[in-house]
Amino acid sequence: MILQLHPVNPDKRKLKEISGNLIDGAVYIFPTDTVYALAADSNSKKGIEKLYVLKEINKNKPLSILCPDISTAASLVEYIPNEAFKLMKRITPGPFTFIFRANRSIPRVSLSNNKNKNIGIRIPENKLLSEFLSVHPGTITTTSVFTNDEYMTDIDDLENIYGNRTEGIIDGGIVKVEMSTVIDFTTDEMILVREGKGAERI
């Protein structure tokens, strides 16, 4: 089912309804700063398991956690080095994935079988997604919509494949395939893992 929400000022009541469904184990597809993503509540074992089934990947594959702000991100990781904090303060929200060592506050289901306990943290710039995170009591865990060796960018294609397999698909129009810039802060030195969208801001 395709859901039409205003991209800048979405209906808060509708966002809260989506939030409640996610908490109950539903999966939605959201537009992000980059591509469309499957999303579940980070604490929902039922929802996270659906993500793996829908994307047809094993549970060793890492997922990303979307946070509303740096403070929330800091509560989920072992520590944010001063260099990382300064960078995040300067470039977030935005199309960046920051890799940190997870702490025990990370919902175990969102780490799955990730033996090294690293987690990707994102603070999205997408206005609709930011508004959603402002009303959702917690974080959401996501993975990009990727099927048949390509990212899905057209809302009608998403509806054809996932319309009956997710609770809803939030229409963000046809998106451009741009991957996030990935920065690893799990060691003492910042490592640019992938140069993607927004890399010029670093």
Protein backbone atom coordinates (compact mmCIF):
# COMPACT_ATOMS: atom_id res chain seq x y z
CA MET A 1 0.00 0.00 0.00
CA ILE A 2 1.43 3.36 -1.05
CA LEU A 3 1.11 6.09 1.58
CA GLN A 4 1.03 9.75 0.61
CA LEU A 5 2.56 12.02 3.24
CA HIS A 6 3.64 15.63 2.88
CA PRO A 7 7.45 15.54 2.42
CA VAL A 8 8.04 18.54 4.71
CA ASN A 9 5.03 18.75 7.03
CA PRO A 10 3.66 15.20 7.33
CA ASP A 11 0.53 14.56 9.37
CA LYS A 12 1.74 13.85 12.93
CA ARG A 13 -1.24 11.60 13.62
CA LYS A 14 -0.31 9.44 10.65
CA LEU A 15 3.31 9.34 11.78
CA LYS A 16 2.23 8.18 15.24
CA GLU A 17 0.08 5.49 13.66
CA ILE A 18 3.06 4.24 11.65
CA SER A 19 5.19 4.39 14.80
CA GLY A 20 2.73 2.22 16.70
CA ASN A 21 2.61 -0.33 13.89
CA LEU A 22 6.42 -0.52 13.79
CA ILE A 23 6.52 -1.14 17.54
CA ASP A 24 4.05 -3.99 16.99
CA GLY A 25 6.39 -5.60 14.44
CA ALA A 26 5.37 -4.05 11.13
CA VAL A 27 7.83 -3.16 8.38
CA TYR A 28 7.53 -0.05 6.21
CA ILE A 29 9.53 1.32 3.29
CA PHE A 30 10.77 4.89 3.77
CA PRO A 31 12.53 7.29 1.40
CA THR A 32 15.86 8.35 2.92
CA ASP A 33 18.65 10.79 2.10
CA THR A 34 19.90 8.23 -0.40
CA VAL A 35 17.72 5.30 -1.54
CA TYR A 36 14.51 3.68 -0.31
CA ALA A 37 14.93 1.55 2.81
CA LEU A 38 13.06 -1.21 4.61
CA ALA A 39 12.50 -0.09 8.20
CA ALA A 40 11.56 -1.77 11.47
CA ASP A 41 11.51 -0.66 15.08
CA SER A 42 14.96 -1.34 16.54
CA ASN A 43 13.51 -3.22 19.51
CA SER A 44 11.14 -5.40 17.50
CA LYS A 45 12.46 -8.91 16.98
CA LYS A 46 9.48 -9.63 14.74
CA GLY A 47 10.15 -6.55 12.60
CA ILE A 48 13.92 -7.09 12.32
CA GLU A 49 13.45 -10.71 11.29
CA LYS A 50 11.08 -9.51 8.55
CA LEU A 51 13.81 -7.19 7.24
CA TYR A 52 16.15 -10.13 6.67
CA VAL A 53 13.42 -12.20 5.03
CA LEU A 54 12.27 -9.38 2.75
CA LYS A 55 15.79 -8.56 1.63
CA GLU A 56 16.74 -12.25 1.44
CA ILE A 57 20.00 -11.83 3.34
CA ASN A 58 21.45 -13.80 6.24
CA LYS A 59 21.66 -12.48 9.77
CA ASN A 60 25.38 -11.83 9.56
CA LYS A 61 24.72 -8.85 7.30
CA PRO A 62 24.86 -5.53 9.19
CA LEU A 63 21.94 -3.15 9.45
CA SER A 64 21.88 0.59 10.16
CA ILE A 65 20.17 2.38 13.01
CA LEU A 66 18.55 5.74 12.31
CA CYS A 67 18.70 8.22 15.18
CA PRO A 68 17.08 11.65 15.54
CA ASP A 69 20.24 13.29 16.92
CA ILE A 70 23.82 12.83 18.16
CA SER A 71 22.67 12.45 21.77
CA THR A 72 20.60 9.39 20.88
CA ALA A 73 23.47 7.98 18.85
CA ALA A 74 25.85 8.45 21.79
CA SER A 75 23.54 6.41 24.04
CA LEU A 76 23.95 3.38 21.77
CA VAL A 77 27.71 3.23 21.26
CA GLU A 78 30.71 2.61 23.51
CA TYR A 79 32.04 6.10 22.97
CA ILE A 80 32.23 8.85 20.38
CA PRO A 81 35.79 10.11 19.96
CA ASN A 82 36.19 13.89 20.08
CA GLU A 83 37.13 13.94 16.37
CA ALA A 84 33.94 12.03 15.53
CA PHE A 85 31.77 14.27 17.70
CA LYS A 86 33.09 17.42 16.05
CA LEU A 87 32.58 15.96 12.59
CA MET A 88 29.06 14.73 13.36
CA LYS A 89 28.11 18.09 14.82
CA ARG A 90 29.31 19.79 11.65
CA ILE A 91 27.85 17.51 8.96
CA THR A 92 24.71 15.97 10.47
CA PRO A 93 21.94 15.56 9.71
CA GLY A 94 23.00 14.19 6.37
CA PRO A 95 23.68 11.17 4.14
CA PHE A 96 26.37 9.65 6.35
CA THR A 97 26.80 6.28 8.03
CA PHE A 98 29.07 6.32 11.08
CA ILE A 99 30.42 2.98 12.25
CA PHE A 100 30.97 2.62 16.00
CA ARG A 101 31.36 -0.12 18.55
CA ALA A 102 27.91 -0.81 19.96
CA ASN A 103 27.28 -0.77 23.69
CA ARG A 104 24.84 -2.92 25.64
CA SER A 105 22.01 -0.44 25.07
CA ILE A 106 21.80 -1.44 21.41
CA PRO A 107 18.80 -3.74 20.96
CA ARG A 108 20.38 -7.17 20.59
CA VAL A 109 18.08 -8.07 17.72
CA SER A 110 19.42 -5.12 15.68
CA LEU A 111 22.97 -6.46 16.01
CA SER A 112 21.83 -9.94 15.01
CA ASN A 113 24.85 -12.23 14.51
CA ASN A 114 27.28 -9.36 14.05
CA LYS A 115 30.23 -10.83 15.98
CA ASN A 116 32.34 -7.67 16.04
CA LYS A 117 29.47 -5.69 17.58
CA ASN A 118 29.93 -2.76 15.21
CA ILE A 119 26.88 -0.80 14.14
CA GLY A 120 26.15 1.78 11.48
CA ILE A 121 24.55 4.95 12.83
CA ARG A 122 22.73 7.47 10.66
CA ILE A 123 21.16 10.83 11.48
CA PRO A 124 19.06 11.47 8.37
CA GLU A 125 18.52 14.80 6.67
CA ASN A 126 15.34 13.70 4.89
CA LYS A 127 12.67 15.96 6.38
CA LEU A 128 9.87 13.40 6.45
CA LEU A 129 12.12 10.85 8.10
CA SER A 130 13.36 13.42 10.61
CA GLU A 131 9.78 14.30 11.51
CA PHE A 132 9.01 10.63 11.98
CA LEU A 133 11.99 10.11 14.29
CA SER A 134 10.83 13.09 16.36
CA VAL A 135 7.59 11.28 17.25
CA HIS A 136 8.84 7.68 17.38
CA PRO A 137 9.85 6.59 20.91
CA GLY A 138 13.19 5.08 19.99
CA THR A 139 15.16 4.36 16.86
CA ILE A 140 14.47 2.45 13.66
CA THR A 141 16.65 -0.16 12.02
CA THR A 142 16.95 -0.08 8.25
CA THR A 143 18.43 -1.72 5.21
CA SER A 144 18.32 -0.41 1.66
CA VAL A 145 15.80 -1.89 -0.77
CA PHE A 146 17.91 -3.93 -3.14
CA THR A 147 16.57 -6.66 -5.38
CA ASN A 148 17.64 -8.36 -8.59
CA ASP A 149 21.10 -6.79 -8.21
CA GLU A 150 19.81 -3.23 -8.28
CA TYR A 151 18.44 -0.57 -5.97
CA MET A 152 14.75 0.11 -6.37
CA THR A 153 13.99 3.76 -7.09
CA ASP A 154 10.45 3.78 -8.52
CA ILE A 155 7.44 3.76 -6.18
CA ASP A 156 5.36 1.64 -8.60
CA ASP A 157 8.06 -1.05 -8.72
CA LEU A 158 8.19 -1.04 -4.94
CA GLU A 159 4.42 -1.45 -4.78
CA ASN A 160 4.51 -4.37 -7.22
CA ILE A 161 7.06 -6.29 -5.18
CA TYR A 162 6.45 -5.17 -1.60
CA GLY A 163 2.91 -3.84 -1.59
CA ASN A 164 1.49 -6.99 0.00
CA ARG A 165 4.58 -7.80 2.06
CA THR A 166 4.96 -4.59 4.07
CA GLU A 167 2.56 -2.48 6.09
CA GLY A 168 3.09 0.48 3.80
CA ILE A 169 5.38 2.24 1.34
CA ILE A 170 5.86 5.96 1.90
CA ASP A 171 5.96 7.74 -1.43
CA GLY A 172 9.13 9.74 -1.89
CA GLY A 173 8.90 9.87 -5.67
CA ILE A 174 11.57 8.45 -7.95
CA VAL A 175 14.85 8.68 -6.07
CA LYS A 176 18.36 8.97 -7.43
CA VAL A 177 20.67 6.09 -6.51
CA GLU A 178 23.24 7.69 -4.25
CA MET A 179 24.93 5.75 -1.48
CA SER A 180 25.78 7.21 1.90
CA THR A 181 29.33 8.14 2.79
CA VAL A 182 30.59 5.61 5.34
CA ILE A 183 33.04 6.65 8.06
CA ASP A 184 34.56 4.14 10.50
CA PHE A 185 35.33 5.32 14.03
CA THR A 186 35.88 1.91 15.63
CA THR A 187 39.63 2.52 15.91
CA ASP A 188 41.73 5.46 17.06
CA GLU A 189 41.90 6.73 13.50
CA MET A 190 39.02 7.86 11.26
CA ILE A 191 38.71 5.64 8.19
CA LEU A 192 36.72 6.72 5.13
CA VAL A 193 35.22 3.38 4.09
CA ARG A 194 33.06 4.63 1.22
CA GLU A 195 33.01 7.99 -0.48
CA GLY A 196 29.37 8.63 -1.34
CA LYS A 197 26.79 11.38 -1.18
CA GLY A 198 27.91 14.34 0.92
CA ALA A 199 31.59 13.33 0.96
CA GLU A 200 32.59 16.87 -0.03
CA ARG A 201 31.26 18.09 3.33
CA ILE A 202 33.83 16.16 5.34
